[in-house]
Amino acid sequence: MFDSKMRLAMGFALSQVADGAIVDRLTFNGTIIETGTDSYRLAGTRARAEEPAKAG
């Protein structure tokens, strides 16, 4: 009934839902601790977000 590509796509979609549920469970009622340090990941994300605005 389903070919292998369809099964792979369905499995990936289910995996994304499961991953989201896991993250939701881990962060529910969590406390955010600010360490006062700069996040290199956040800096990289912000830099990538600004690149298209500079080009346009």
N, C-alpha and C. Protein backbone atom coordinates (compact mmCIF):
# COMPACT_ATOMS: atom_id res chain seq x y z
N MET A 1 0.82 -1.19 0.00
CA MET A 1 0.00 0.00 0.00
C MET A 1 0.87 1.26 0.00
N PHE A 2 1.87 1.35 0.91
CA PHE A 2 2.78 2.48 0.94
C PHE A 2 4.13 2.06 0.42
N ASP A 3 4.74 2.91 -0.38
CA ASP A 3 6.09 2.59 -0.83
C ASP A 3 7.10 3.02 0.24
N SER A 4 8.35 2.69 0.05
CA SER A 4 9.36 2.95 1.08
C SER A 4 9.57 4.44 1.34
N LYS A 5 9.45 5.27 0.30
CA LYS A 5 9.62 6.72 0.50
C LYS A 5 8.50 7.28 1.36
N MET A 6 7.28 6.79 1.14
CA MET A 6 6.15 7.26 1.93
C MET A 6 6.30 6.83 3.39
N ARG A 7 6.74 5.60 3.61
CA ARG A 7 6.94 5.13 4.97
C ARG A 7 8.02 5.94 5.67
N LEU A 8 9.08 6.27 4.94
CA LEU A 8 10.16 7.08 5.51
C LEU A 8 9.64 8.47 5.89
N ALA A 9 8.85 9.08 5.01
CA ALA A 9 8.29 10.41 5.29
C ALA A 9 7.35 10.37 6.49
N MET A 10 6.53 9.32 6.57
CA MET A 10 5.61 9.20 7.69
C MET A 10 6.37 9.01 9.00
N GLY A 11 7.43 8.21 8.96
CA GLY A 11 8.24 7.99 10.15
C GLY A 11 8.93 9.26 10.60
N PHE A 12 9.39 10.08 9.64
CA PHE A 12 10.05 11.34 9.97
C PHE A 12 9.06 12.30 10.62
N ALA A 13 7.84 12.37 10.10
CA ALA A 13 6.82 13.25 10.66
C ALA A 13 6.47 12.82 12.08
N LEU A 14 6.32 11.52 12.29
CA LEU A 14 6.03 11.02 13.63
C LEU A 14 7.18 11.30 14.58
N SER A 15 8.40 11.20 14.07
CA SER A 15 9.57 11.48 14.90
C SER A 15 9.58 12.94 15.34
N GLN A 16 9.22 13.85 14.45
CA GLN A 16 9.18 15.27 14.80
C GLN A 16 8.14 15.53 15.89
N VAL A 17 7.00 14.87 15.80
CA VAL A 17 5.97 15.04 16.82
C VAL A 17 6.46 14.51 18.15
N ALA A 18 7.08 13.33 18.13
CA ALA A 18 7.60 12.74 19.36
C ALA A 18 8.69 13.61 19.96
N ASP A 19 9.58 14.14 19.12
CA ASP A 19 10.65 15.01 19.61
C ASP A 19 10.08 16.25 20.27
N GLY A 20 9.06 16.84 19.64
CA GLY A 20 8.42 18.02 20.23
C GLY A 20 7.78 17.72 21.56
N ALA A 21 7.16 16.55 21.67
CA ALA A 21 6.53 16.15 22.93
C ALA A 21 7.58 15.95 24.03
N ILE A 22 8.72 15.38 23.67
CA ILE A 22 9.79 15.18 24.65
C ILE A 22 10.32 16.51 25.15
N VAL A 23 10.58 17.43 24.23
CA VAL A 23 11.09 18.75 24.63
C VAL A 23 10.05 19.47 25.49
N ASP A 24 8.79 19.36 25.13
CA ASP A 24 7.73 19.98 25.92
C ASP A 24 7.72 19.43 27.34
N ARG A 25 7.84 18.12 27.49
CA ARG A 25 7.85 17.51 28.81
C ARG A 25 9.06 17.95 29.63
N LEU A 26 10.21 18.04 28.98
CA LEU A 26 11.43 18.42 29.69
C LEU A 26 11.41 19.87 30.16
N THR A 27 10.75 20.73 29.40
CA THR A 27 10.78 22.16 29.72
C THR A 27 9.55 22.64 30.49
N PHE A 28 8.53 21.82 30.64
CA PHE A 28 7.32 22.22 31.35
C PHE A 28 7.66 22.54 32.80
N ASN A 29 7.21 23.69 33.27
CA ASN A 29 7.49 24.17 34.63
C ASN A 29 8.98 24.28 34.92
N GLY A 30 9.76 24.45 33.87
CA GLY A 30 11.20 24.59 34.06
C GLY A 30 11.57 26.01 34.48
N THR A 31 12.72 26.16 35.03
CA THR A 31 13.23 27.46 35.42
C THR A 31 14.40 27.82 34.51
N ILE A 32 14.35 29.02 33.96
CA ILE A 32 15.42 29.47 33.09
C ILE A 32 16.47 30.14 33.98
N ILE A 33 17.69 29.68 33.84
CA ILE A 33 18.79 30.23 34.63
C ILE A 33 19.66 31.08 33.71
N GLU A 34 19.75 32.36 34.01
CA GLU A 34 20.60 33.24 33.23
C GLU A 34 21.99 33.24 33.85
N THR A 35 22.97 32.91 33.04
CA THR A 35 24.34 32.81 33.56
C THR A 35 25.14 34.08 33.35
N GLY A 36 24.60 34.99 32.54
CA GLY A 36 25.32 36.23 32.29
C GLY A 36 26.38 36.11 31.21
N THR A 37 26.46 34.96 30.56
CA THR A 37 27.43 34.78 29.49
C THR A 37 26.75 34.90 28.14
N ASP A 38 27.54 35.17 27.12
CA ASP A 38 27.01 35.27 25.76
C ASP A 38 26.88 33.88 25.15
N SER A 39 25.82 33.66 24.42
CA SER A 39 25.59 32.39 23.76
C SER A 39 26.10 32.48 22.33
N TYR A 40 27.06 31.62 21.98
CA TYR A 40 27.56 31.64 20.61
C TYR A 40 26.49 31.14 19.64
N ARG A 41 25.61 30.27 20.09
CA ARG A 41 24.53 29.79 19.21
C ARG A 41 23.54 30.91 18.92
N LEU A 42 23.16 31.65 19.95
CA LEU A 42 22.24 32.76 19.74
C LEU A 42 22.86 33.83 18.85
N ALA A 43 24.13 34.12 19.06
CA ALA A 43 24.82 35.11 18.22
C ALA A 43 24.84 34.67 16.76
N GLY A 44 25.09 33.39 16.52
CA GLY A 44 25.10 32.88 15.15
C GLY A 44 23.73 32.93 14.51
N THR A 45 22.70 32.62 15.27
CA THR A 45 21.33 32.66 14.76
C THR A 45 20.94 34.09 14.42
N ARG A 46 21.28 35.01 15.27
CA ARG A 46 20.96 36.42 14.99
C ARG A 46 21.72 36.93 13.78
N ALA A 47 22.98 36.53 13.63
CA ALA A 47 23.77 36.97 12.48
C ALA A 47 23.17 36.43 11.18
N ARG A 48 22.75 35.17 11.18
CA ARG A 48 22.14 34.59 9.98
C ARG A 48 20.80 35.26 9.67
N ALA A 49 20.06 35.65 10.69
CA ALA A 49 18.77 36.31 10.49
C ALA A 49 18.94 37.69 9.88
N GLU A 50 20.04 38.35 10.18
CA GLU A 50 20.28 39.70 9.68
C GLU A 50 20.86 39.71 8.27
N GLU A 51 21.48 38.63 7.82
CA GLU A 51 22.11 38.58 6.50
C GLU A 51 21.15 38.89 5.35
N PRO A 52 19.96 38.27 5.27
CA PRO A 52 19.06 38.61 4.17
C PRO A 52 18.60 40.07 4.21
N ALA A 53 18.45 40.63 5.40
CA ALA A 53 18.02 42.02 5.51
C ALA A 53 19.09 42.96 4.95
N LYS A 54 20.35 42.64 5.16
CA LYS A 54 21.44 43.46 4.63
C LYS A 54 21.53 43.35 3.11
N ALA A 55 21.25 42.15 2.56
CA ALA A 55 21.35 41.94 1.13
C ALA A 55 20.19 42.59 0.38
N GLY A 56 19.03 42.71 1.05
CA GLY A 56 17.82 43.21 0.38
C GLY A 56 17.75 44.66 0.39
